[in-house]
């Protein structure tokens, strides 16, 4: 029972995050890339988000939490 409540809370929060991102003019996409290109593709995608000139709603309450890039 407690796990169900937690999962429901997490799902609700994720729905809020996705709605905020759609409302800010962003679309979520799912694609398949070769595993050796994942880091490069992810960094390129975040560069596009950062370069668009709009604020991206992150998980942080203030909506401005900076993403930590993978180091490798």
C-alpha atoms as a PDB file:
ATOM      1  CA  UNK A   1       0.000   0.000   0.000  1.00  0.00           C
ATOM      2  CA  UNK A   2       2.711   2.464   0.952  1.00  0.00           C
ATOM      3  CA  UNK A   3       4.652   1.640  -2.210  1.00  0.00           C
ATOM      4  CA  UNK A   4       1.523   2.306  -4.292  1.00  0.00           C
ATOM      5  CA  UNK A   5       1.166   5.759  -2.739  1.00  0.00           C
ATOM      6  CA  UNK A   6       4.811   6.537  -3.395  1.00  0.00           C
ATOM      7  CA  UNK A   7       4.569   5.389  -7.013  1.00  0.00           C
ATOM      8  CA  UNK A   8       1.398   7.422  -7.465  1.00  0.00           C
ATOM      9  CA  UNK A   9       3.132  10.503  -6.057  1.00  0.00           C
ATOM     10  CA  UNK A  10       6.124   9.989  -8.352  1.00  0.00           C
ATOM     11  CA  UNK A  11       3.864   9.492 -11.391  1.00  0.00           C
ATOM     12  CA  UNK A  12       1.918  12.623 -10.507  1.00  0.00           C
ATOM     13  CA  UNK A  13       5.111  14.656 -10.180  1.00  0.00           C
ATOM     14  CA  UNK A  14       6.427  13.358 -13.517  1.00  0.00           C
ATOM     15  CA  UNK A  15       3.117  14.333 -15.155  1.00  0.00           C
ATOM     16  CA  UNK A  16       3.508  17.850 -13.724  1.00  0.00           C
ATOM     17  CA  UNK A  17       7.083  18.067 -15.025  1.00  0.00           C
ATOM     18  CA  UNK A  18       6.068  16.892 -18.512  1.00  0.00           C
ATOM     19  CA  UNK A  19       3.161  19.354 -18.628  1.00  0.00           C
ATOM     20  CA  UNK A  20       5.422  22.249 -17.583  1.00  0.00           C
ATOM     21  CA  UNK A  21       7.889  21.306 -20.309  1.00  0.00           C
ATOM     22  CA  UNK A  22       5.160  21.071 -22.969  1.00  0.00           C
ATOM     23  CA  UNK A  23       3.725  24.390 -21.804  1.00  0.00           C
ATOM     24  CA  UNK A  24       7.216  25.910 -22.194  1.00  0.00           C
ATOM     25  CA  UNK A  25       7.304  24.793 -25.836  1.00  0.00           C
ATOM     26  CA  UNK A  26       9.340  21.597 -25.593  1.00  0.00           C
ATOM     27  CA  UNK A  27       8.456  18.133 -26.937  1.00  0.00           C
ATOM     28  CA  UNK A  28       9.651  14.825 -25.574  1.00  0.00           C
ATOM     29  CA  UNK A  29      11.014  12.340 -28.114  1.00  0.00           C
ATOM     30  CA  UNK A  30      12.177   8.765 -27.845  1.00  0.00           C
ATOM     31  CA  UNK A  31      14.724   7.503 -30.323  1.00  0.00           C
ATOM     32  CA  UNK A  32      17.224   4.699 -30.522  1.00  0.00           C
ATOM     33  CA  UNK A  33      20.907   5.524 -30.989  1.00  0.00           C
ATOM     34  CA  UNK A  34      23.998   3.305 -30.989  1.00  0.00           C
ATOM     35  CA  UNK A  35      25.150   2.919 -27.381  1.00  0.00           C
ATOM     36  CA  UNK A  36      28.590   4.310 -28.194  1.00  0.00           C
ATOM     37  CA  UNK A  37      26.923   7.573 -29.343  1.00  0.00           C
ATOM     38  CA  UNK A  38      24.561   8.101 -26.391  1.00  0.00           C
ATOM     39  CA  UNK A  39      26.722  10.621 -24.531  1.00  0.00           C
ATOM     40  CA  UNK A  40      27.414  12.624 -27.674  1.00  0.00           C
ATOM     41  CA  UNK A  41      23.755  12.629 -28.702  1.00  0.00           C
ATOM     42  CA  UNK A  42      22.590  13.605 -25.216  1.00  0.00           C
ATOM     43  CA  UNK A  43      25.058  16.497 -25.076  1.00  0.00           C
ATOM     44  CA  UNK A  44      23.971  17.709 -28.528  1.00  0.00           C
ATOM     45  CA  UNK A  45      20.312  17.537 -27.507  1.00  0.00           C
ATOM     46  CA  UNK A  46      20.963  19.569 -24.341  1.00  0.00           C
ATOM     47  CA  UNK A  47      22.946  22.108 -26.355  1.00  0.00           C
ATOM     48  CA  UNK A  48      19.861  22.574 -28.558  1.00  0.00           C
ATOM     49  CA  UNK A  49      17.666  23.045 -25.481  1.00  0.00           C
ATOM     50  CA  UNK A  50      20.088  25.557 -23.975  1.00  0.00           C
ATOM     51  CA  UNK A  51      20.478  27.451 -27.272  1.00  0.00           C
ATOM     52  CA  UNK A  52      16.767  27.912 -27.997  1.00  0.00           C
ATOM     53  CA  UNK A  53      16.472  30.984 -25.780  1.00  0.00           C
ATOM     54  CA  UNK A  54      13.637  29.667 -23.603  1.00  0.00           C
ATOM     55  CA  UNK A  55      13.810  28.583 -20.002  1.00  0.00           C
ATOM     56  CA  UNK A  56      13.629  24.792 -19.622  1.00  0.00           C
ATOM     57  CA  UNK A  57      11.571  23.643 -16.615  1.00  0.00           C
ATOM     58  CA  UNK A  58      13.833  21.310 -14.646  1.00  0.00           C
ATOM     59  CA  UNK A  59      12.835  19.238 -11.634  1.00  0.00           C
ATOM     60  CA  UNK A  60      14.012  21.789  -9.104  1.00  0.00           C
ATOM     61  CA  UNK A  61      11.254  23.835  -7.481  1.00  0.00           C
ATOM     62  CA  UNK A  62      12.650  27.059  -8.911  1.00  0.00           C
ATOM     63  CA  UNK A  63      12.755  25.578 -12.422  1.00  0.00           C
ATOM     64  CA  UNK A  64      16.334  26.689 -12.994  1.00  0.00           C
ATOM     65  CA  UNK A  65      18.386  23.723 -11.751  1.00  0.00           C
ATOM     66  CA  UNK A  66      21.383  23.299 -14.016  1.00  0.00           C
ATOM     67  CA  UNK A  67      21.976  19.922 -15.597  1.00  0.00           C
ATOM     68  CA  UNK A  68      25.275  18.245 -14.862  1.00  0.00           C
ATOM     69  CA  UNK A  69      26.921  17.042 -18.067  1.00  0.00           C
ATOM     70  CA  UNK A  70      28.402  13.606 -18.071  1.00  0.00           C
ATOM     71  CA  UNK A  71      32.157  13.573 -17.752  1.00  0.00           C
ATOM     72  CA  UNK A  72      33.926  11.223 -20.118  1.00  0.00           C
END
